[in-house]
Amino acid sequence: MTHPGEQGPPSTAPAPAPRRRLDGPDRFRPRGLPLALLEAGLVALISAVAWAFLTGVLEFPGALIVAVIGGWLIGEVLWSVRAHPLLAVAIAAAAWFVGLVLTWMTAMALLPESTRTFVERLQNTPFLDWLGPQFGWLEIAGLVLYVVAALVGARPRPA
């Protein structure tokens, strides 16, 4: 037993690990590219569903906000693992395309006073036939905003 002022035996307990700061470049949890791709794909799917709901059900041009937020989040997720920005662009473009397909499916599901089943409506109105008259400034602006926002989110930053 030691008395006050005397030094005891050396401690064998390990030193506490230094705390990591959460405000610097290491603010992201270390993870690999496969998990980041899964997260980016989930963001893309959510933004595609939101796009389809806003354009197909509400017919609201505010879907462009979805393109900006979705593209930026895709870029941010992929930047966190330092993936190439073109990967973010590809996933953002895929989100835009899936959003168009989901909009077509929504339009076919909500077709008023149709006596056909949903599958028959999809068969009788192919995607490209439906898209032709629908394709306008909103779809083009959506693609541009998805891509630009993904590039901004995935841009290299100084360390």
N, C-alpha and C. Protein backbone atom coordinates (compact mmCIF):
# COMPACT_ATOMS: atom_id res chain seq x y z
N MET A 1 0.85 -1.17 0.00
CA MET A 1 0.00 0.00 0.00
C MET A 1 0.90 1.23 0.00
N THR A 2 0.50 2.23 -0.74
CA THR A 2 1.30 3.46 -0.80
C THR A 2 0.63 4.54 0.02
N HIS A 3 1.46 5.41 0.55
CA HIS A 3 0.97 6.53 1.34
C HIS A 3 1.00 7.77 0.47
N PRO A 4 0.27 8.81 0.84
CA PRO A 4 0.28 10.03 0.04
C PRO A 4 1.72 10.53 -0.15
N GLY A 5 2.02 10.87 -1.40
CA GLY A 5 3.35 11.38 -1.73
C GLY A 5 4.29 10.29 -2.22
N GLU A 6 3.95 9.02 -1.99
CA GLU A 6 4.80 7.94 -2.46
C GLU A 6 4.31 7.49 -3.83
N GLN A 7 5.25 6.99 -4.62
CA GLN A 7 4.90 6.53 -5.96
C GLN A 7 4.63 5.03 -5.90
N GLY A 8 3.53 4.61 -6.48
CA GLY A 8 3.16 3.20 -6.47
C GLY A 8 3.77 2.47 -7.65
N PRO A 9 3.42 1.23 -7.81
CA PRO A 9 3.94 0.45 -8.93
C PRO A 9 3.43 1.02 -10.25
N PRO A 10 4.19 0.84 -11.33
CA PRO A 10 3.75 1.39 -12.62
C PRO A 10 2.43 0.74 -13.07
N SER A 11 1.60 1.55 -13.70
CA SER A 11 0.29 1.09 -14.14
C SER A 11 0.44 0.24 -15.40
N THR A 12 -0.32 -0.82 -15.49
CA THR A 12 -0.30 -1.67 -16.68
C THR A 12 -1.50 -1.41 -17.58
N ALA A 13 -2.34 -0.46 -17.21
CA ALA A 13 -3.52 -0.14 -18.03
C ALA A 13 -3.07 0.59 -19.29
N PRO A 14 -3.70 0.29 -20.44
CA PRO A 14 -3.32 0.98 -21.67
C PRO A 14 -3.74 2.45 -21.61
N ALA A 15 -2.97 3.26 -22.32
CA ALA A 15 -3.28 4.69 -22.37
C ALA A 15 -4.57 4.88 -23.16
N PRO A 16 -5.39 5.86 -22.78
CA PRO A 16 -6.63 6.08 -23.53
C PRO A 16 -6.32 6.52 -24.96
N ALA A 17 -7.17 6.06 -25.89
CA ALA A 17 -7.00 6.43 -27.29
C ALA A 17 -7.32 7.90 -27.47
N PRO A 18 -6.57 8.58 -28.33
CA PRO A 18 -6.88 10.00 -28.57
C PRO A 18 -8.24 10.12 -29.26
N ARG A 19 -8.96 11.16 -28.91
CA ARG A 19 -10.28 11.38 -29.50
C ARG A 19 -10.12 11.98 -30.89
N ARG A 20 -11.00 11.53 -31.80
CA ARG A 20 -10.97 12.06 -33.16
C ARG A 20 -11.87 13.27 -33.25
N ARG A 21 -11.41 14.27 -33.97
CA ARG A 21 -12.24 15.44 -34.20
C ARG A 21 -13.24 15.14 -35.29
N LEU A 22 -14.43 15.66 -35.14
CA LEU A 22 -15.47 15.40 -36.13
C LEU A 22 -15.68 16.57 -37.08
N ASP A 23 -14.84 17.57 -37.03
CA ASP A 23 -15.06 18.72 -37.90
C ASP A 23 -14.02 18.84 -39.00
N GLY A 24 -13.08 17.96 -39.08
CA GLY A 24 -12.03 18.04 -40.08
C GLY A 24 -12.27 17.08 -41.23
N PRO A 25 -11.25 16.85 -42.05
CA PRO A 25 -11.40 15.97 -43.20
C PRO A 25 -11.72 14.53 -42.81
N ASP A 26 -11.44 14.15 -41.55
CA ASP A 26 -11.72 12.78 -41.12
C ASP A 26 -13.09 12.67 -40.46
N ARG A 27 -14.00 13.55 -40.81
CA ARG A 27 -15.31 13.54 -40.14
C ARG A 27 -16.18 12.36 -40.57
N PHE A 28 -15.80 11.67 -41.64
CA PHE A 28 -16.58 10.55 -42.11
C PHE A 28 -16.05 9.26 -41.51
N ARG A 29 -16.97 8.35 -41.23
CA ARG A 29 -16.55 7.04 -40.76
C ARG A 29 -15.80 6.35 -41.89
N PRO A 30 -14.70 5.70 -41.58
CA PRO A 30 -14.03 4.99 -42.65
C PRO A 30 -14.91 3.84 -43.14
N ARG A 31 -15.12 3.77 -44.41
CA ARG A 31 -15.88 2.68 -45.00
C ARG A 31 -15.36 2.48 -46.41
N GLY A 32 -15.70 1.39 -46.98
CA GLY A 32 -15.20 1.06 -48.30
C GLY A 32 -16.12 1.53 -49.41
N LEU A 33 -15.63 1.37 -50.62
CA LEU A 33 -16.39 1.76 -51.79
C LEU A 33 -17.70 0.96 -51.93
N PRO A 34 -17.73 -0.35 -51.66
CA PRO A 34 -19.00 -1.07 -51.81
C PRO A 34 -20.13 -0.50 -50.94
N LEU A 35 -19.81 -0.16 -49.70
CA LEU A 35 -20.84 0.42 -48.82
C LEU A 35 -21.26 1.80 -49.32
N ALA A 36 -20.30 2.58 -49.78
CA ALA A 36 -20.63 3.91 -50.32
C ALA A 36 -21.49 3.79 -51.57
N LEU A 37 -21.21 2.81 -52.41
CA LEU A 37 -22.05 2.60 -53.60
C LEU A 37 -23.47 2.20 -53.21
N LEU A 38 -23.58 1.38 -52.19
CA LEU A 38 -24.90 0.99 -51.69
C LEU A 38 -25.66 2.20 -51.16
N GLU A 39 -24.98 3.05 -50.39
CA GLU A 39 -25.61 4.26 -49.85
C GLU A 39 -26.00 5.21 -50.98
N ALA A 40 -25.11 5.39 -51.97
CA ALA A 40 -25.42 6.27 -53.10
C ALA A 40 -26.59 5.72 -53.90
N GLY A 41 -26.65 4.40 -54.06
CA GLY A 41 -27.78 3.79 -54.75
C GLY A 41 -29.09 3.98 -54.01
N LEU A 42 -29.03 3.91 -52.69
CA LEU A 42 -30.22 4.15 -51.89
C LEU A 42 -30.70 5.60 -52.02
N VAL A 43 -29.76 6.53 -51.99
CA VAL A 43 -30.10 7.94 -52.19
C VAL A 43 -30.71 8.13 -53.58
N ALA A 44 -30.12 7.47 -54.59
CA ALA A 44 -30.64 7.59 -55.95
C ALA A 44 -32.07 7.05 -56.04
N LEU A 45 -32.32 5.93 -55.40
CA LEU A 45 -33.67 5.35 -55.44
C LEU A 45 -34.68 6.24 -54.73
N ILE A 46 -34.30 6.76 -53.59
CA ILE A 46 -35.22 7.66 -52.86
C ILE A 46 -35.51 8.91 -53.67
N SER A 47 -34.49 9.49 -54.29
CA SER A 47 -34.72 10.70 -55.08
C SER A 47 -35.53 10.39 -56.34
N ALA A 48 -35.35 9.20 -56.92
CA ALA A 48 -36.15 8.82 -58.09
C ALA A 48 -37.62 8.66 -57.72
N VAL A 49 -37.89 8.07 -56.56
CA VAL A 49 -39.28 7.93 -56.10
C VAL A 49 -39.88 9.31 -55.82
N ALA A 50 -39.11 10.18 -55.20
CA ALA A 50 -39.61 11.54 -54.93
C ALA A 50 -39.88 12.28 -56.24
N TRP A 51 -38.98 12.12 -57.21
CA TRP A 51 -39.17 12.75 -58.53
C TRP A 51 -40.47 12.25 -59.16
N ALA A 52 -40.68 10.94 -59.14
CA ALA A 52 -41.88 10.35 -59.74
C ALA A 52 -43.15 10.84 -59.04
N PHE A 53 -43.10 10.95 -57.73
CA PHE A 53 -44.28 11.42 -56.99
C PHE A 53 -44.58 12.88 -57.34
N LEU A 54 -43.54 13.71 -57.33
CA LEU A 54 -43.78 15.14 -57.57
C LEU A 54 -44.19 15.43 -59.01
N THR A 55 -43.62 14.72 -59.97
CA THR A 55 -43.97 15.00 -61.37
C THR A 55 -45.16 14.17 -61.85
N GLY A 56 -45.27 12.92 -61.38
CA GLY A 56 -46.33 12.05 -61.86
C GLY A 56 -47.65 12.23 -61.15
N VAL A 57 -47.61 12.51 -59.87
CA VAL A 57 -48.84 12.64 -59.09
C VAL A 57 -49.23 14.11 -58.94
N LEU A 58 -48.29 14.91 -58.47
CA LEU A 58 -48.60 16.32 -58.20
C LEU A 58 -48.38 17.23 -59.39
N GLU A 59 -47.66 16.75 -60.40
CA GLU A 59 -47.31 17.56 -61.58
C GLU A 59 -46.72 18.89 -61.13
N PHE A 60 -45.73 18.80 -60.28
CA PHE A 60 -45.12 19.97 -59.64
C PHE A 60 -43.68 20.13 -60.11
N PRO A 61 -43.32 21.27 -60.71
CA PRO A 61 -41.95 21.44 -61.17
C PRO A 61 -40.94 21.59 -60.03
N GLY A 62 -41.39 21.57 -58.81
CA GLY A 62 -40.47 21.61 -57.67
C GLY A 62 -39.63 20.34 -57.58
N ALA A 63 -39.88 19.40 -58.47
CA ALA A 63 -39.06 18.19 -58.52
C ALA A 63 -37.62 18.53 -58.85
N LEU A 64 -37.37 19.70 -59.38
CA LEU A 64 -35.99 20.11 -59.66
C LEU A 64 -35.19 20.21 -58.37
N ILE A 65 -35.86 20.54 -57.28
CA ILE A 65 -35.19 20.57 -55.98
C ILE A 65 -34.73 19.16 -55.60
N VAL A 66 -35.55 18.17 -55.92
CA VAL A 66 -35.18 16.78 -55.67
C VAL A 66 -33.92 16.42 -56.46
N ALA A 67 -33.84 16.89 -57.70
CA ALA A 67 -32.66 16.62 -58.53
C ALA A 67 -31.41 17.22 -57.91
N VAL A 68 -31.51 18.44 -57.41
CA VAL A 68 -30.35 19.10 -56.82
C VAL A 68 -29.92 18.38 -55.53
N ILE A 69 -30.87 18.14 -54.65
CA ILE A 69 -30.53 17.50 -53.38
C ILE A 69 -30.06 16.06 -53.59
N GLY A 70 -30.77 15.31 -54.43
CA GLY A 70 -30.38 13.93 -54.69
C GLY A 70 -29.00 13.83 -55.32
N GLY A 71 -28.74 14.65 -56.34
CA GLY A 71 -27.43 14.63 -56.98
C GLY A 71 -26.31 15.01 -56.03
N TRP A 72 -26.56 16.04 -55.23
CA TRP A 72 -25.53 16.49 -54.28
C TRP A 72 -25.24 15.42 -53.23
N LEU A 73 -26.29 14.77 -52.72
CA LEU A 73 -26.08 13.72 -51.72
C LEU A 73 -25.34 12.52 -52.31
N ILE A 74 -25.65 12.18 -53.54
CA ILE A 74 -24.92 11.09 -54.20
C ILE A 74 -23.44 11.45 -54.29
N GLY A 75 -23.14 12.67 -54.70
CA GLY A 75 -21.75 13.11 -54.78
C GLY A 75 -21.07 13.13 -53.43
N GLU A 76 -21.75 13.59 -52.40
CA GLU A 76 -21.17 13.64 -51.05
C GLU A 76 -20.84 12.25 -50.53
N VAL A 77 -21.75 11.31 -50.74
CA VAL A 77 -21.51 9.94 -50.27
C VAL A 77 -20.28 9.36 -50.95
N LEU A 78 -20.16 9.58 -52.24
CA LEU A 78 -19.02 9.02 -52.96
C LEU A 78 -17.74 9.80 -52.69
N TRP A 79 -17.85 11.09 -52.40
CA TRP A 79 -16.65 11.85 -52.03
C TRP A 79 -16.07 11.34 -50.72
N SER A 80 -16.93 10.88 -49.84
CA SER A 80 -16.45 10.43 -48.53
C SER A 80 -15.50 9.24 -48.64
N VAL A 81 -15.55 8.50 -49.74
CA VAL A 81 -14.60 7.41 -49.95
C VAL A 81 -13.62 7.76 -51.08
N ARG A 82 -13.64 9.01 -51.47
CA ARG A 82 -12.73 9.53 -52.50
C ARG A 82 -12.90 8.81 -53.84
N ALA A 83 -14.15 8.48 -54.20
CA ALA A 83 -14.43 7.86 -55.49
C ALA A 83 -14.34 8.92 -56.58
N HIS A 84 -14.15 8.48 -57.80
CA HIS A 84 -14.04 9.42 -58.92
C HIS A 84 -15.38 10.12 -59.14
N PRO A 85 -15.36 11.42 -59.42
CA PRO A 85 -16.62 12.16 -59.60
C PRO A 85 -17.50 11.62 -60.74
N LEU A 86 -16.90 10.99 -61.75
CA LEU A 86 -17.71 10.46 -62.84
C LEU A 86 -18.60 9.30 -62.37
N LEU A 87 -18.20 8.63 -61.32
CA LEU A 87 -19.05 7.59 -60.74
C LEU A 87 -20.32 8.23 -60.16
N ALA A 88 -20.16 9.37 -59.52
CA ALA A 88 -21.32 10.10 -58.99
C ALA A 88 -22.22 10.57 -60.13
N VAL A 89 -21.63 11.01 -61.23
CA VAL A 89 -22.41 11.45 -62.39
C VAL A 89 -23.22 10.28 -62.95
N ALA A 90 -22.59 9.11 -63.05
CA ALA A 90 -23.29 7.94 -63.60
C ALA A 90 -24.47 7.54 -62.71
N ILE A 91 -24.27 7.55 -61.40
CA ILE A 91 -25.36 7.17 -60.49
C ILE A 91 -26.46 8.22 -60.51
N ALA A 92 -26.09 9.50 -60.60
CA ALA A 92 -27.10 10.56 -60.67
C ALA A 92 -27.91 10.46 -61.96
N ALA A 93 -27.26 10.16 -63.08
CA ALA A 93 -27.98 9.99 -64.34
C ALA A 93 -28.91 8.78 -64.27
N ALA A 94 -28.46 7.72 -63.61
CA ALA A 94 -29.31 6.55 -63.43
C ALA A 94 -30.53 6.90 -62.56
N ALA A 95 -30.33 7.72 -61.54
CA ALA A 95 -31.45 8.15 -60.69
C ALA A 95 -32.46 8.93 -61.52
N TRP A 96 -31.98 9.79 -62.39
CA TRP A 96 -32.86 10.57 -63.26
C TRP A 96 -33.67 9.64 -64.15
N PHE A 97 -33.01 8.65 -64.76
CA PHE A 97 -33.70 7.72 -65.65
C PHE A 97 -34.72 6.88 -64.90
N VAL A 98 -34.34 6.37 -63.73
CA VAL A 98 -35.28 5.58 -62.93
C VAL A 98 -36.47 6.45 -62.52
N GLY A 99 -36.22 7.72 -62.23
CA GLY A 99 -37.32 8.64 -61.92
C GLY A 99 -38.29 8.77 -63.08
N LEU A 100 -37.77 8.81 -64.31
CA LEU A 100 -38.65 8.87 -65.49
C LEU A 100 -39.47 7.60 -65.64
N VAL A 101 -38.82 6.46 -65.44
CA VAL A 101 -39.54 5.18 -65.55
C VAL A 101 -40.63 5.09 -64.48
N LEU A 102 -40.31 5.50 -63.26
CA LEU A 102 -41.31 5.47 -62.19
C LEU A 102 -42.44 6.46 -62.45
N THR A 103 -42.12 7.59 -63.08
CA THR A 103 -43.17 8.55 -63.44
C THR A 103 -44.11 7.94 -64.47
N TRP A 104 -43.56 7.22 -65.45
CA TRP A 104 -44.38 6.53 -66.45
C TRP A 104 -45.28 5.50 -65.79
N MET A 105 -44.71 4.72 -64.87
CA MET A 105 -45.51 3.70 -64.19
C MET A 105 -46.60 4.34 -63.34
N THR A 106 -46.28 5.46 -62.70
CA THR A 106 -47.28 6.18 -61.91
C THR A 106 -48.40 6.71 -62.79
N ALA A 107 -48.01 7.27 -63.94
CA ALA A 107 -49.03 7.79 -64.87
C ALA A 107 -49.94 6.69 -65.37
N MET A 108 -49.38 5.51 -65.61
CA MET A 108 -50.20 4.39 -66.07
C MET A 108 -51.10 3.87 -64.94
N ALA A 109 -50.61 3.91 -63.72
CA ALA A 109 -51.43 3.44 -62.59
C ALA A 109 -52.58 4.39 -62.30
N LEU A 110 -52.37 5.67 -62.53
CA LEU A 110 -53.40 6.67 -62.20
C LEU A 110 -54.25 7.08 -63.40
N LEU A 111 -54.14 6.34 -64.49
CA LEU A 111 -54.90 6.67 -65.70
C LEU A 111 -56.39 6.66 -65.38
N PRO A 112 -57.06 7.80 -65.57
CA PRO A 112 -58.48 7.87 -65.17
C PRO A 112 -59.39 7.05 -66.09
N GLU A 113 -60.38 6.44 -65.50
CA GLU A 113 -61.45 5.73 -66.19
C GLU A 113 -60.97 4.70 -67.21
N SER A 114 -59.90 4.01 -66.90
CA SER A 114 -59.41 2.96 -67.79
C SER A 114 -60.03 1.63 -67.35
N THR A 115 -60.44 0.84 -68.34
CA THR A 115 -61.00 -0.47 -68.04
C THR A 115 -59.93 -1.55 -68.10
N ARG A 116 -58.73 -1.20 -68.50
CA ARG A 116 -57.63 -2.16 -68.60
C ARG A 116 -56.93 -2.30 -67.27
N THR A 117 -56.28 -3.44 -67.11
CA THR A 117 -55.47 -3.65 -65.92
C THR A 117 -54.18 -2.84 -66.04
N PHE A 118 -53.48 -2.72 -64.95
CA PHE A 118 -52.22 -1.97 -64.93
C PHE A 118 -51.21 -2.56 -65.93
N VAL A 119 -51.10 -3.87 -65.96
CA VAL A 119 -50.16 -4.53 -66.87
C VAL A 119 -50.56 -4.27 -68.32
N GLU A 120 -51.85 -4.32 -68.61
CA GLU A 120 -52.31 -4.03 -69.98
C GLU A 120 -52.01 -2.59 -70.36
N ARG A 121 -52.15 -1.67 -69.42
CA ARG A 121 -51.82 -0.26 -69.70
C ARG A 121 -50.34 -0.10 -70.02
N LEU A 122 -49.49 -0.79 -69.25
CA LEU A 122 -48.05 -0.72 -69.51
C LEU A 122 -47.72 -1.31 -70.88
N GLN A 123 -48.39 -2.40 -71.26
CA GLN A 123 -48.13 -3.03 -72.55
C GLN A 123 -48.62 -2.17 -73.71
N ASN A 124 -49.74 -1.50 -73.53
CA ASN A 124 -50.32 -0.71 -74.62
C ASN A 124 -49.70 0.67 -74.76
N THR A 125 -49.01 1.12 -73.76
CA THR A 125 -48.33 2.41 -73.84
C THR A 125 -46.87 2.22 -73.45
N PRO A 126 -46.03 1.82 -74.40
CA PRO A 126 -44.61 1.61 -74.08
C PRO A 126 -43.96 2.89 -73.57
N PHE A 127 -42.89 2.69 -72.81
CA PHE A 127 -42.21 3.80 -72.16
C PHE A 127 -41.81 4.90 -73.15
N LEU A 128 -41.16 4.52 -74.25
CA LEU A 128 -40.68 5.54 -75.19
C LEU A 128 -41.83 6.26 -75.89
N ASP A 129 -42.93 5.55 -76.14
CA ASP A 129 -44.11 6.20 -76.73
C ASP A 129 -44.70 7.21 -75.75
N TRP A 130 -44.70 6.89 -74.49
CA TRP A 130 -45.22 7.81 -73.47
C TRP A 130 -44.27 8.99 -73.27
N LEU A 131 -42.95 8.70 -73.29
CA LEU A 131 -41.95 9.71 -72.99
C LEU A 131 -41.88 10.80 -74.06
N GLY A 132 -42.06 10.44 -75.32
CA GLY A 132 -41.93 11.41 -76.41
C GLY A 132 -42.69 12.70 -76.17
N PRO A 133 -44.01 12.64 -76.00
CA PRO A 133 -44.75 13.89 -75.78
C PRO A 133 -44.49 14.52 -74.41
N GLN A 134 -44.05 13.71 -73.44
CA GLN A 134 -43.82 14.21 -72.08
C GLN A 134 -42.48 14.92 -71.93
N PHE A 135 -41.54 14.55 -72.78
CA PHE A 135 -40.16 15.03 -72.61
C PHE A 135 -40.09 16.51 -72.94
N GLY A 136 -39.70 17.30 -71.95
CA GLY A 136 -39.64 18.74 -72.15
C GLY A 136 -38.54 19.36 -71.31
N TRP A 137 -38.71 20.64 -71.03
CA TRP A 137 -37.67 21.38 -70.31
C TRP A 137 -37.45 20.84 -68.91
N LEU A 138 -38.50 20.34 -68.26
CA LEU A 138 -38.37 19.84 -66.89
C LEU A 138 -37.44 18.62 -66.83
N GLU A 139 -37.60 17.71 -67.77
CA GLU A 139 -36.76 16.51 -67.79
C GLU A 139 -35.31 16.85 -68.11
N ILE A 140 -35.10 17.75 -69.06
CA ILE A 140 -33.73 18.16 -69.42
C ILE A 140 -33.07 18.89 -68.24
N ALA A 141 -33.81 19.82 -67.65
CA ALA A 141 -33.27 20.54 -66.49
C ALA A 141 -33.00 19.59 -65.33
N GLY A 142 -33.86 18.59 -65.16
CA GLY A 142 -33.65 17.61 -64.10
C GLY A 142 -32.35 16.85 -64.29
N LEU A 143 -32.09 16.40 -65.52
CA LEU A 143 -30.84 15.68 -65.79
C LEU A 143 -29.63 16.58 -65.55
N VAL A 144 -29.69 17.81 -66.04
CA VAL A 144 -28.57 18.74 -65.85
C VAL A 144 -28.33 19.00 -64.37
N LEU A 145 -29.39 19.22 -63.62
CA LEU A 145 -29.23 19.50 -62.19
C LEU A 145 -28.73 18.29 -61.41
N TYR A 146 -29.22 17.10 -61.75
CA TYR A 146 -28.70 15.89 -61.11
C TYR A 146 -27.19 15.79 -61.32
N VAL A 147 -26.75 15.96 -62.57
CA VAL A 147 -25.34 15.78 -62.91
C VAL A 147 -24.48 16.86 -62.28
N VAL A 148 -24.89 18.11 -62.41
CA VAL A 148 -24.09 19.21 -61.84
C VAL A 148 -24.01 19.10 -60.32
N ALA A 149 -25.12 18.78 -59.68
CA ALA A 149 -25.11 18.65 -58.22
C ALA A 149 -24.24 17.48 -57.79
N ALA A 150 -24.26 16.38 -58.53
CA ALA A 150 -23.39 15.24 -58.20
C ALA A 150 -21.93 15.62 -58.35
N LEU A 151 -21.60 16.38 -59.38
CA LEU A 151 -20.21 16.84 -59.56
C LEU A 151 -19.79 17.77 -58.43
N VAL A 152 -20.67 18.65 -58.02
CA VAL A 152 -20.34 19.55 -56.92
C VAL A 152 -20.16 18.77 -55.62
N GLY A 153 -21.02 17.80 -55.37
CA GLY A 153 -20.91 17.00 -54.16
C GLY A 153 -19.67 16.13 -54.13
N ALA A 154 -19.21 15.67 -55.30
CA ALA A 154 -18.08 14.77 -55.38
C ALA A 154 -16.77 15.47 -55.71
N ARG A 155 -16.79 16.79 -55.77
CA ARG A 155 -15.57 17.53 -56.17
C ARG A 155 -14.46 17.31 -55.16
N PRO A 156 -13.24 17.25 -55.64
CA PRO A 156 -12.10 17.13 -54.72
C PRO A 156 -12.00 18.39 -53.86
N ARG A 157 -11.68 18.21 -52.61
CA ARG A 157 -11.54 19.33 -51.68
C ARG A 157 -10.15 19.29 -51.08
N PRO A 158 -9.65 20.45 -50.70
CA PRO A 158 -8.34 20.44 -50.04
C PRO A 158 -8.43 19.77 -48.67
N ALA A 159 -7.37 19.09 -48.31
CA ALA A 159 -7.37 18.35 -47.04
C ALA A 159 -7.17 19.22 -45.85
